[in-house]
Amino acid sequence: MILVNTDYITGKELEMLGIVKGSTIQSKNLGRDISQGFKTLVGGELKAYNEMMNDARALATKRMVEEATALGADAVVNIRYSSAAVMTGAAEVIAYGTAVKFR
């Protein structure tokens, strides 16, 4: 499966199959939340949160690819990511794009 953030793939004629998406909602670990809270006092990268968001993006991408595969897609073009807090300590990450088949 080819994944790109452009609306084309050089040298390929594309047939649009439809929008596909994948999402996940991740919550923080209480122990990590406390340690990261202390980190905000001194500044610096919040590595535990960074890791959580990387994992969430990977899972959302995987679910988007599964949806595209079910449609018979060869690729997903124009991929975008979005995230939002859904409650204190939890964030949703969504990956979406257009599933396409090569002609």
PDB file of N, CA and C in Angstrom:
ATOM      1  N   MET A   1       0.852  -1.180   0.000  1.00  0.00           N
ATOM      2  CA  MET A   1       0.000   0.000   0.000  1.00  0.00           C
ATOM      3  C   MET A   1       0.894   1.238   0.000  1.00  0.00           C
ATOM      4  N   ILE A   2       0.647   2.113  -0.966  1.00  0.00           N
ATOM      5  CA  ILE A   2       1.395   3.370  -1.049  1.00  0.00           C
ATOM      6  C   ILE A   2       0.611   4.441  -0.285  1.00  0.00           C
ATOM      7  N   LEU A   3       1.296   5.183   0.568  1.00  0.00           N
ATOM      8  CA  LEU A   3       0.679   6.259   1.349  1.00  0.00           C
ATOM      9  C   LEU A   3       1.400   7.556   1.040  1.00  0.00           C
ATOM     10  N   VAL A   4       0.649   8.568   0.582  1.00  0.00           N
ATOM     11  CA  VAL A   4       1.255   9.860   0.259  1.00  0.00           C
ATOM     12  C   VAL A   4       0.352  10.993   0.742  1.00  0.00           C
ATOM     13  N   ASN A   5       0.974  12.152   0.952  1.00  0.00           N
ATOM     14  CA  ASN A   5       0.174  13.310   1.357  1.00  0.00           C
ATOM     15  C   ASN A   5      -0.092  14.253   0.184  1.00  0.00           C
ATOM     16  N   THR A   6       0.219  13.806  -1.030  1.00  0.00           N
ATOM     17  CA  THR A   6      -0.115  14.558  -2.242  1.00  0.00           C
ATOM     18  C   THR A   6      -1.399  13.990  -2.829  1.00  0.00           C
ATOM     19  N   ASP A   7      -1.997  14.718  -3.776  1.00  0.00           N
ATOM     20  CA  ASP A   7      -3.240  14.226  -4.380  1.00  0.00           C
ATOM     21  C   ASP A   7      -2.976  13.447  -5.667  1.00  0.00           C
ATOM     22  N   TYR A   8      -1.742  13.057  -5.896  1.00  0.00           N
ATOM     23  CA  TYR A   8      -1.374  12.295  -7.090  1.00  0.00           C
ATOM     24  C   TYR A   8      -0.179  11.398  -6.755  1.00  0.00           C
ATOM     25  N   ILE A   9       0.074  10.446  -7.627  1.00  0.00           N
ATOM     26  CA  ILE A   9       1.282   9.613  -7.564  1.00  0.00           C
ATOM     27  C   ILE A   9       1.879   9.668  -8.958  1.00  0.00           C
ATOM     28  N   THR A  10       3.076  10.181  -9.061  1.00  0.00           N
ATOM     29  CA  THR A  10       3.727  10.370 -10.352  1.00  0.00           C
ATOM     30  C   THR A  10       3.724   9.081 -11.167  1.00  0.00           C
ATOM     31  N   GLY A  11       3.269   9.195 -12.411  1.00  0.00           N
ATOM     32  CA  GLY A  11       3.268   8.062 -13.330  1.00  0.00           C
ATOM     33  C   GLY A  11       2.086   7.124 -13.179  1.00  0.00           C
ATOM     34  N   LYS A  12       1.155   7.431 -12.297  1.00  0.00           N
ATOM     35  CA  LYS A  12      -0.002   6.556 -12.079  1.00  0.00           C
ATOM     36  C   LYS A  12      -1.287   7.310 -12.400  1.00  0.00           C
ATOM     37  N   GLU A  13      -2.194   6.626 -13.082  1.00  0.00           N
ATOM     38  CA  GLU A  13      -3.535   7.158 -13.283  1.00  0.00           C
ATOM     39  C   GLU A  13      -4.401   6.549 -12.184  1.00  0.00           C
ATOM     40  N   LEU A  14      -5.128   7.397 -11.478  1.00  0.00           N
ATOM     41  CA  LEU A  14      -5.837   6.950 -10.282  1.00  0.00           C
ATOM     42  C   LEU A  14      -7.348   6.945 -10.463  1.00  0.00           C
ATOM     43  N   GLU A  15      -7.961   5.914  -9.922  1.00  0.00           N
ATOM     44  CA  GLU A  15      -9.417   5.834  -9.823  1.00  0.00           C
ATOM     45  C   GLU A  15      -9.761   6.014  -8.352  1.00  0.00           C
ATOM     46  N   MET A  16     -10.536   7.040  -8.050  1.00  0.00           N
ATOM     47  CA  MET A  16     -10.893   7.329  -6.661  1.00  0.00           C
ATOM     48  C   MET A  16     -11.920   6.327  -6.160  1.00  0.00           C
ATOM     49  N   LEU A  17     -11.666   5.752  -4.992  1.00  0.00           N
ATOM     50  CA  LEU A  17     -12.596   4.794  -4.397  1.00  0.00           C
ATOM     51  C   LEU A  17     -13.416   5.414  -3.271  1.00  0.00           C
ATOM     52  N   GLY A  18     -12.870   6.428  -2.614  1.00  0.00           N
ATOM     53  CA  GLY A  18     -13.600   7.071  -1.521  1.00  0.00           C
ATOM     54  C   GLY A  18     -12.697   7.435  -0.368  1.00  0.00           C
ATOM     55  N   ILE A  19     -13.266   8.151   0.566  1.00  0.00           N
ATOM     56  CA  ILE A  19     -12.537   8.575   1.761  1.00  0.00           C
ATOM     57  C   ILE A  19     -12.393   7.399   2.713  1.00  0.00           C
ATOM     58  N   VAL A  20     -11.213   7.269   3.284  1.00  0.00           N
ATOM     59  CA  VAL A  20     -10.959   6.256   4.307  1.00  0.00           C
ATOM     60  C   VAL A  20     -10.375   6.961   5.522  1.00  0.00           C
ATOM     61  N   LYS A  21     -10.604   6.381   6.682  1.00  0.00           N
ATOM     62  CA  LYS A  21     -10.083   6.978   7.912  1.00  0.00           C
ATOM     63  C   LYS A  21      -9.800   5.899   8.938  1.00  0.00           C
ATOM     64  N   GLY A  22      -8.993   6.280   9.885  1.00  0.00           N
ATOM     65  CA  GLY A  22      -8.713   5.432  11.028  1.00  0.00           C
ATOM     66  C   GLY A  22      -8.530   6.340  12.217  1.00  0.00           C
ATOM     67  N   SER A  23      -8.972   5.904  13.379  1.00  0.00           N
ATOM     68  CA  SER A  23      -8.825   6.760  14.551  1.00  0.00           C
ATOM     69  C   SER A  23      -8.594   5.927  15.802  1.00  0.00           C
ATOM     70  N   THR A  24      -8.152   6.605  16.833  1.00  0.00           N
ATOM     71  CA  THR A  24      -7.975   5.995  18.137  1.00  0.00           C
ATOM     72  C   THR A  24      -8.073   7.095  19.180  1.00  0.00           C
ATOM     73  N   ILE A  25      -8.469   6.719  20.367  1.00  0.00           N
ATOM     74  CA  ILE A  25      -8.448   7.643  21.502  1.00  0.00           C
ATOM     75  C   ILE A  25      -7.500   7.039  22.525  1.00  0.00           C
ATOM     76  N   GLN A  26      -6.510   7.820  22.888  1.00  0.00           N
ATOM     77  CA  GLN A  26      -5.487   7.365  23.824  1.00  0.00           C
ATOM     78  C   GLN A  26      -5.590   8.169  25.118  1.00  0.00           C
ATOM     79  N   SER A  27      -5.363   7.508  26.235  1.00  0.00           N
ATOM     80  CA  SER A  27      -5.338   8.209  27.519  1.00  0.00           C
ATOM     81  C   SER A  27      -3.951   8.081  28.126  1.00  0.00           C
ATOM     82  N   LYS A  28      -3.662   9.012  28.997  1.00  0.00           N
ATOM     83  CA  LYS A  28      -2.358   9.019  29.649  1.00  0.00           C
ATOM     84  C   LYS A  28      -2.350   8.046  30.825  1.00  0.00           C
ATOM     85  N   ASN A  29      -1.206   7.476  31.075  1.00  0.00           N
ATOM     86  CA  ASN A  29      -0.968   6.632  32.230  1.00  0.00           C
ATOM     87  C   ASN A  29      -0.808   7.544  33.446  1.00  0.00           C
ATOM     88  N   LEU A  30      -1.488   7.239  34.552  1.00  0.00           N
ATOM     89  CA  LEU A  30      -1.455   8.096  35.735  1.00  0.00           C
ATOM     90  C   LEU A  30      -0.029   8.344  36.225  1.00  0.00           C
ATOM     91  N   GLY A  31       0.794   7.300  36.259  1.00  0.00           N
ATOM     92  CA  GLY A  31       2.190   7.459  36.694  1.00  0.00           C
ATOM     93  C   GLY A  31       2.953   8.390  35.763  1.00  0.00           C
ATOM     94  N   ARG A  32       2.771   8.209  34.485  1.00  0.00           N
ATOM     95  CA  ARG A  32       3.429   9.086  33.510  1.00  0.00           C
ATOM     96  C   ARG A  32       2.890  10.504  33.613  1.00  0.00           C
ATOM     97  N   ASP A  33       1.584  10.621  33.854  1.00  0.00           N
ATOM     98  CA  ASP A  33       0.961  11.937  33.944  1.00  0.00           C
ATOM     99  C   ASP A  33       1.578  12.739  35.086  1.00  0.00           C
ATOM    100  N   ILE A  34       1.789  12.101  36.212  1.00  0.00           N
ATOM    101  CA  ILE A  34       2.393  12.787  37.361  1.00  0.00           C
ATOM    102  C   ILE A  34       3.826  13.197  37.035  1.00  0.00           C
ATOM    103  N   SER A  35       4.604  12.278  36.467  1.00  0.00           N
ATOM    104  CA  SER A  35       6.003  12.606  36.152  1.00  0.00           C
ATOM    105  C   SER A  35       6.098  13.680  35.083  1.00  0.00           C
ATOM    106  N   GLN A  36       5.197  13.658  34.106  1.00  0.00           N
ATOM    107  CA  GLN A  36       5.214  14.673  33.059  1.00  0.00           C
ATOM    108  C   GLN A  36       4.740  16.019  33.610  1.00  0.00           C
ATOM    109  N   GLY A  37       3.858  15.979  34.608  1.00  0.00           N
ATOM    110  CA  GLY A  37       3.419  17.209  35.261  1.00  0.00           C
ATOM    111  C   GLY A  37       4.588  17.921  35.927  1.00  0.00           C
ATOM    112  N   PHE A  38       5.469  17.152  36.566  1.00  0.00           N
ATOM    113  CA  PHE A  38       6.669  17.748  37.170  1.00  0.00           C
ATOM    114  C   PHE A  38       7.578  18.325  36.088  1.00  0.00           C
ATOM    115  N   LYS A  39       7.622  17.666  34.944  1.00  0.00           N
ATOM    116  CA  LYS A  39       8.471  18.125  33.844  1.00  0.00           C
ATOM    117  C   LYS A  39       8.042  19.508  33.353  1.00  0.00           C
ATOM    118  N   THR A  40       6.746  19.795  33.436  1.00  0.00           N
ATOM    119  CA  THR A  40       6.277  21.108  32.984  1.00  0.00           C
ATOM    120  C   THR A  40       6.805  22.229  33.867  1.00  0.00           C
ATOM    121  N   LEU A  41       7.218  21.902  35.073  1.00  0.00           N
ATOM    122  CA  LEU A  41       7.764  22.920  35.976  1.00  0.00           C
ATOM    123  C   LEU A  41       9.150  23.378  35.542  1.00  0.00           C
ATOM    124  N   VAL A  42       9.920  22.463  34.958  1.00  0.00           N
ATOM    125  CA  VAL A  42      11.304  22.798  34.579  1.00  0.00           C
ATOM    126  C   VAL A  42      11.474  22.960  33.072  1.00  0.00           C
ATOM    127  N   GLY A  43      10.480  22.549  32.314  1.00  0.00           N
ATOM    128  CA  GLY A  43      10.546  22.679  30.860  1.00  0.00           C
ATOM    129  C   GLY A  43      11.207  21.484  30.206  1.00  0.00           C
ATOM    130  N   GLY A  44      11.104  21.428  28.903  1.00  0.00           N
ATOM    131  CA  GLY A  44      11.701  20.349  28.127  1.00  0.00           C
ATOM    132  C   GLY A  44      10.642  19.490  27.463  1.00  0.00           C
ATOM    133  N   GLU A  45      11.114  18.547  26.682  1.00  0.00           N
ATOM    134  CA  GLU A  45      10.224  17.656  25.931  1.00  0.00           C
ATOM    135  C   GLU A  45       9.500  16.705  26.863  1.00  0.00           C
ATOM    136  N   LEU A  46       8.223  16.524  26.626  1.00  0.00           N
ATOM    137  CA  LEU A  46       7.419  15.565  27.383  1.00  0.00           C
ATOM    138  C   LEU A  46       7.444  14.240  26.620  1.00  0.00           C
ATOM    139  N   LYS A  47       8.506  13.476  26.846  1.00  0.00           N
ATOM    140  CA  LYS A  47       8.762  12.277  26.048  1.00  0.00           C
ATOM    141  C   LYS A  47       7.662  11.232  26.155  1.00  0.00           C
ATOM    142  N   ALA A  48       7.067  11.061  27.329  1.00  0.00           N
ATOM    143  CA  ALA A  48       6.008  10.063  27.477  1.00  0.00           C
ATOM    144  C   ALA A  48       4.794  10.430  26.631  1.00  0.00           C
ATOM    145  N   TYR A  49       4.453  11.711  26.570  1.00  0.00           N
ATOM    146  CA  TYR A  49       3.331  12.147  25.752  1.00  0.00           C
ATOM    147  C   TYR A  49       3.675  12.050  24.272  1.00  0.00           C
ATOM    148  N   ASN A  50       4.896  12.381  23.936  1.00  0.00           N
ATOM    149  CA  ASN A  50       5.342  12.266  22.548  1.00  0.00           C
ATOM    150  C   ASN A  50       5.224  10.815  22.078  1.00  0.00           C
ATOM    151  N   GLU A  51       5.658   9.896  22.908  1.00  0.00           N
ATOM    152  CA  GLU A  51       5.566   8.469  22.595  1.00  0.00           C
ATOM    153  C   GLU A  51       4.104   8.042  22.450  1.00  0.00           C
ATOM    154  N   MET A  52       3.249   8.525  23.343  1.00  0.00           N
ATOM    155  CA  MET A  52       1.832   8.186  23.277  1.00  0.00           C
ATOM    156  C   MET A  52       1.216   8.664  21.958  1.00  0.00           C
ATOM    157  N   MET A  53       1.546   9.883  21.546  1.00  0.00           N
ATOM    158  CA  MET A  53       0.980  10.418  20.310  1.00  0.00           C
ATOM    159  C   MET A  53       1.558   9.704  19.076  1.00  0.00           C
ATOM    160  N   ASN A  54       2.826   9.343  19.110  1.00  0.00           N
ATOM    161  CA  ASN A  54       3.408   8.566  18.005  1.00  0.00           C
ATOM    162  C   ASN A  54       2.699   7.225  17.860  1.00  0.00           C
ATOM    163  N   ASP A  55       2.450   6.558  18.993  1.00  0.00           N
ATOM    164  CA  ASP A  55       1.736   5.275  18.969  1.00  0.00           C
ATOM    165  C   ASP A  55       0.315   5.461  18.432  1.00  0.00           C
ATOM    166  N   ALA A  56      -0.342   6.548  18.847  1.00  0.00           N
ATOM    167  CA  ALA A  56      -1.703   6.815  18.396  1.00  0.00           C
ATOM    168  C   ALA A  56      -1.743   7.071  16.890  1.00  0.00           C
ATOM    169  N   ARG A  57      -0.785   7.838  16.364  1.00  0.00           N
ATOM    170  CA  ARG A  57      -0.743   8.090  14.917  1.00  0.00           C
ATOM    171  C   ARG A  57      -0.503   6.790  14.144  1.00  0.00           C
ATOM    172  N   ALA A  58       0.382   5.948  14.665  1.00  0.00           N
ATOM    173  CA  ALA A  58       0.657   4.673  13.992  1.00  0.00           C
ATOM    174  C   ALA A  58      -0.586   3.789  13.962  1.00  0.00           C
ATOM    175  N   LEU A  59      -1.327   3.738  15.059  1.00  0.00           N
ATOM    176  CA  LEU A  59      -2.540   2.920  15.114  1.00  0.00           C
ATOM    177  C   LEU A  59      -3.627   3.490  14.196  1.00  0.00           C
ATOM    178  N   ALA A  60      -3.790   4.807  14.184  1.00  0.00           N
ATOM    179  CA  ALA A  60      -4.779   5.434  13.299  1.00  0.00           C
ATOM    180  C   ALA A  60      -4.434   5.164  11.839  1.00  0.00           C
ATOM    181  N   THR A  61      -3.142   5.242  11.493  1.00  0.00           N
ATOM    182  CA  THR A  61      -2.700   4.959  10.123  1.00  0.00           C
ATOM    183  C   THR A  61      -2.991   3.507   9.758  1.00  0.00           C
ATOM    184  N   LYS A  62      -2.682   2.592  10.665  1.00  0.00           N
ATOM    185  CA  LYS A  62      -2.934   1.167  10.430  1.00  0.00           C
ATOM    186  C   LYS A  62      -4.420   0.919  10.157  1.00  0.00           C
ATOM    187  N   ARG A  63      -5.280   1.545  10.941  1.00  0.00           N
ATOM    188  CA  ARG A  63      -6.728   1.352  10.757  1.00  0.00           C
ATOM    189  C   ARG A  63      -7.209   1.960   9.440  1.00  0.00           C
ATOM    190  N   MET A  64      -6.623   3.089   9.037  1.00  0.00           N
ATOM    191  CA  MET A  64      -6.967   3.700   7.756  1.00  0.00           C
ATOM    192  C   MET A  64      -6.565   2.771   6.614  1.00  0.00           C
ATOM    193  N   VAL A  65      -5.375   2.194   6.686  1.00  0.00           N
ATOM    194  CA  VAL A  65      -4.887   1.269   5.656  1.00  0.00           C
ATOM    195  C   VAL A  65      -5.782   0.033   5.589  1.00  0.00           C
ATOM    196  N   GLU A  66      -6.217  -0.476   6.723  1.00  0.00           N
ATOM    197  CA  GLU A  66      -7.123  -1.631   6.737  1.00  0.00           C
ATOM    198  C   GLU A  66      -8.430  -1.315   6.015  1.00  0.00           C
ATOM    199  N   GLU A  67      -8.950  -0.100   6.234  1.00  0.00           N
ATOM    200  CA  GLU A  67     -10.187   0.313   5.564  1.00  0.00           C
ATOM    201  C   GLU A  67      -9.967   0.431   4.053  1.00  0.00           C
ATOM    202  N   ALA A  68      -8.820   0.985   3.662  1.00  0.00           N
ATOM    203  CA  ALA A  68      -8.494   1.116   2.234  1.00  0.00           C
ATOM    204  C   ALA A  68      -8.317  -0.256   1.590  1.00  0.00           C
ATOM    205  N   THR A  69      -7.660  -1.158   2.284  1.00  0.00           N
ATOM    206  CA  THR A  69      -7.452  -2.514   1.773  1.00  0.00           C
ATOM    207  C   THR A  69      -8.790  -3.210   1.546  1.00  0.00           C
ATOM    208  N   ALA A  70      -9.734  -3.009   2.456  1.00  0.00           N
ATOM    209  CA  ALA A  70     -11.060  -3.617   2.314  1.00  0.00           C
ATOM    210  C   ALA A  70     -11.789  -3.105   1.068  1.00  0.00           C
ATOM    211  N   LEU A  71     -11.450  -1.893   0.624  1.00  0.00           N
ATOM    212  CA  LEU A  71     -12.043  -1.342  -0.603  1.00  0.00           C
ATOM    213  C   LEU A  71     -11.309  -1.790  -1.862  1.00  0.00           C
ATOM    214  N   GLY A  72     -10.185  -2.496  -1.694  1.00  0.00           N
ATOM    215  CA  GLY A  72      -9.387  -2.929  -2.840  1.00  0.00           C
ATOM    216  C   GLY A  72      -8.422  -1.866  -3.335  1.00  0.00           C
ATOM    217  N   ALA A  73      -8.069  -0.932  -2.483  1.00  0.00           N
ATOM    218  CA  ALA A  73      -7.196   0.183  -2.870  1.00  0.00           C
ATOM    219  C   ALA A  73      -5.746  -0.266  -3.049  1.00  0.00           C
ATOM    220  N   ASP A  74      -5.055   0.438  -3.943  1.00  0.00           N
ATOM    221  CA  ASP A  74      -3.616   0.260  -4.125  1.00  0.00           C
ATOM    222  C   ASP A  74      -2.832   1.307  -3.337  1.00  0.00           C
ATOM    223  N   ALA A  75      -3.507   2.413  -3.014  1.00  0.00           N
ATOM    224  CA  ALA A  75      -2.830   3.517  -2.329  1.00  0.00           C
ATOM    225  C   ALA A  75      -3.856   4.385  -1.620  1.00  0.00           C
ATOM    226  N   VAL A  76      -3.342   5.244  -0.728  1.00  0.00           N
ATOM    227  CA  VAL A  76      -4.150   6.301  -0.120  1.00  0.00           C
ATOM    228  C   VAL A  76      -3.406   7.599  -0.388  1.00  0.00           C
ATOM    229  N   VAL A  77      -4.113   8.542  -1.003  1.00  0.00           N
ATOM    230  CA  VAL A  77      -3.513   9.837  -1.334  1.00  0.00           C
ATOM    231  C   VAL A  77      -4.118  10.928  -0.460  1.00  0.00           C
ATOM    232  N   ASN A  78      -3.414  12.057  -0.434  1.00  0.00           N
ATOM    233  CA  ASN A  78      -3.876  13.236   0.296  1.00  0.00           C
ATOM    234  C   ASN A  78      -4.124  12.941   1.776  1.00  0.00           C
ATOM    235  N   ILE A  79      -3.219  12.190   2.396  1.00  0.00           N
ATOM    236  CA  ILE A  79      -3.362  11.798   3.801  1.00  0.00           C
ATOM    237  C   ILE A  79      -3.174  13.007   4.710  1.00  0.00           C
ATOM    238  N   ARG A  80      -4.040  13.094   5.706  1.00  0.00           N
ATOM    239  CA  ARG A  80      -3.967  14.141   6.720  1.00  0.00           C
ATOM    240  C   ARG A  80      -4.150  13.521   8.094  1.00  0.00           C
ATOM    241  N   TYR A  81      -3.625  14.201   9.095  1.00  0.00           N
ATOM    242  CA  TYR A  81      -3.782  13.785  10.491  1.00  0.00           C
ATOM    243  C   TYR A  81      -4.399  14.927  11.271  1.00  0.00           C
ATOM    244  N   SER A  82      -5.194  14.582  12.255  1.00  0.00           N
ATOM    245  CA  SER A  82      -5.785  15.576  13.134  1.00  0.00           C
ATOM    246  C   SER A  82      -5.842  14.986  14.538  1.00  0.00           C
ATOM    247  N   SER A  83      -5.745  15.840  15.526  1.00  0.00           N
ATOM    248  CA  SER A  83      -5.891  15.368  16.898  1.00  0.00           C
ATOM    249  C   SER A  83      -6.658  16.402  17.700  1.00  0.00           C
ATOM    250  N   ALA A  84      -7.318  15.918  18.731  1.00  0.00           N
ATOM    251  CA  ALA A  84      -8.094  16.800  19.598  1.00  0.00           C
ATOM    252  C   ALA A  84      -8.238  16.153  20.966  1.00  0.00           C
ATOM    253  N   ALA A  85      -8.270  16.979  21.980  1.00  0.00           N
ATOM    254  CA  ALA A  85      -8.544  16.482  23.324  1.00  0.00           C
ATOM    255  C   ALA A  85     -10.030  16.154  23.406  1.00  0.00           C
ATOM    256  N   VAL A  86     -10.362  14.976  23.903  1.00  0.00           N
ATOM    257  CA  VAL A  86     -11.767  14.599  24.028  1.00  0.00           C
ATOM    258  C   VAL A  86     -12.232  14.691  25.476  1.00  0.00           C
ATOM    259  N   MET A  87     -11.285  14.707  26.388  1.00  0.00           N
ATOM    260  CA  MET A  87     -11.542  14.914  27.811  1.00  0.00           C
ATOM    261  C   MET A  87     -10.192  15.121  28.474  1.00  0.00           C
ATOM    262  N   THR A  88     -10.180  15.500  29.708  1.00  0.00           N
ATOM    263  CA  THR A  88      -8.919  15.687  30.402  1.00  0.00           C
ATOM    264  C   THR A  88      -8.143  14.376  30.401  1.00  0.00           C
ATOM    265  N   GLY A  89      -6.937  14.416  29.859  1.00  0.00           N
ATOM    266  CA  GLY A  89      -6.086  13.236  29.870  1.00  0.00           C
ATOM    267  C   GLY A  89      -6.293  12.266  28.721  1.00  0.00           C
ATOM    268  N   ALA A  90      -7.116  12.629  27.729  1.00  0.00           N
ATOM    269  CA  ALA A  90      -7.339  11.729  26.594  1.00  0.00           C
ATOM    270  C   ALA A  90      -7.400  12.533  25.303  1.00  0.00           C
ATOM    271  N   ALA A  91      -6.806  11.982  24.254  1.00  0.00           N
ATOM    272  CA  ALA A  91      -6.783  12.652  22.952  1.00  0.00           C
ATOM    273  C   ALA A  91      -7.179  11.671  21.860  1.00  0.00           C
ATOM    274  N   GLU A  92      -7.911  12.185  20.876  1.00  0.00           N
ATOM    275  CA  GLU A  92      -8.246  11.407  19.692  1.00  0.00           C
ATOM    276  C   GLU A  92      -7.274  11.792  18.584  1.00  0.00           C
ATOM    277  N   VAL A  93      -6.820  10.800  17.860  1.00  0.00           N
ATOM    278  CA  VAL A  93      -6.012  11.021  16.665  1.00  0.00           C
ATOM    279  C   VAL A  93      -6.745  10.354  15.516  1.00  0.00           C
ATOM    280  N   ILE A  94      -6.892  11.087  14.405  1.00  0.00           N
ATOM    281  CA  ILE A  94      -7.541  10.537  13.225  1.00  0.00           C
ATOM    282  C   ILE A  94      -6.623  10.727  12.020  1.00  0.00           C
ATOM    283  N   ALA A  95      -6.532   9.700  11.208  1.00  0.00           N
ATOM    284  CA  ALA A  95      -5.803   9.746   9.941  1.00  0.00           C
ATOM    285  C   ALA A  95      -6.854   9.542   8.858  1.00  0.00           C
ATOM    286  N   TYR A  96      -6.800  10.363   7.805  1.00  0.00           N
ATOM    287  CA  TYR A  96      -7.783  10.218   6.738  1.00  0.00           C
ATOM    288  C   TYR A  96      -7.166  10.593   5.392  1.00  0.00           C
ATOM    289  N   GLY A  97      -7.752  10.042   4.350  1.00  0.00           N
ATOM    290  CA  GLY A  97      -7.276  10.303   3.001  1.00  0.00           C
ATOM    291  C   GLY A  97      -8.232   9.701   1.992  1.00  0.00           C
ATOM    292  N   THR A  98      -7.805   9.684   0.747  1.00  0.00           N
ATOM    293  CA  THR A  98      -8.627   9.140  -0.334  1.00  0.00           C
ATOM    294  C   THR A  98      -8.025   7.829  -0.823  1.00  0.00           C
ATOM    295  N   ALA A  99      -8.803   6.762  -0.752  1.00  0.00           N
ATOM    296  CA  ALA A  99      -8.373   5.461  -1.262  1.00  0.00           C
ATOM    297  C   ALA A  99      -8.461   5.493  -2.780  1.00  0.00           C
ATOM    298  N   VAL A 100      -7.416   4.981  -3.443  1.00  0.00           N
ATOM    299  CA  VAL A 100      -7.389   4.965  -4.907  1.00  0.00           C
ATOM    300  C   VAL A 100      -6.919   3.610  -5.415  1.00  0.00           C
ATOM    301  N   LYS A 101      -7.325   3.328  -6.646  1.00  0.00           N
ATOM    302  CA  LYS A 101      -6.886   2.118  -7.345  1.00  0.00           C
ATOM    303  C   LYS A 101      -6.151   2.587  -8.593  1.00  0.00           C
ATOM    304  N   PHE A 102      -5.085   1.872  -8.955  1.00  0.00           N
ATOM    305  CA  PHE A 102      -4.335   2.218 -10.170  1.00  0.00           C
ATOM    306  C   PHE A 102      -5.094   1.689 -11.378  1.00  0.00           C
ATOM    307  N   ARG A 103      -5.143   2.508 -12.435  1.00  0.00           N
ATOM    308  CA  ARG A 103      -5.800   2.068 -13.672  1.00  0.00           C
ATOM    309  C   ARG A 103      -4.798   1.406 -14.571  1.00  0.00           C
TER     310      ARG A 103
END
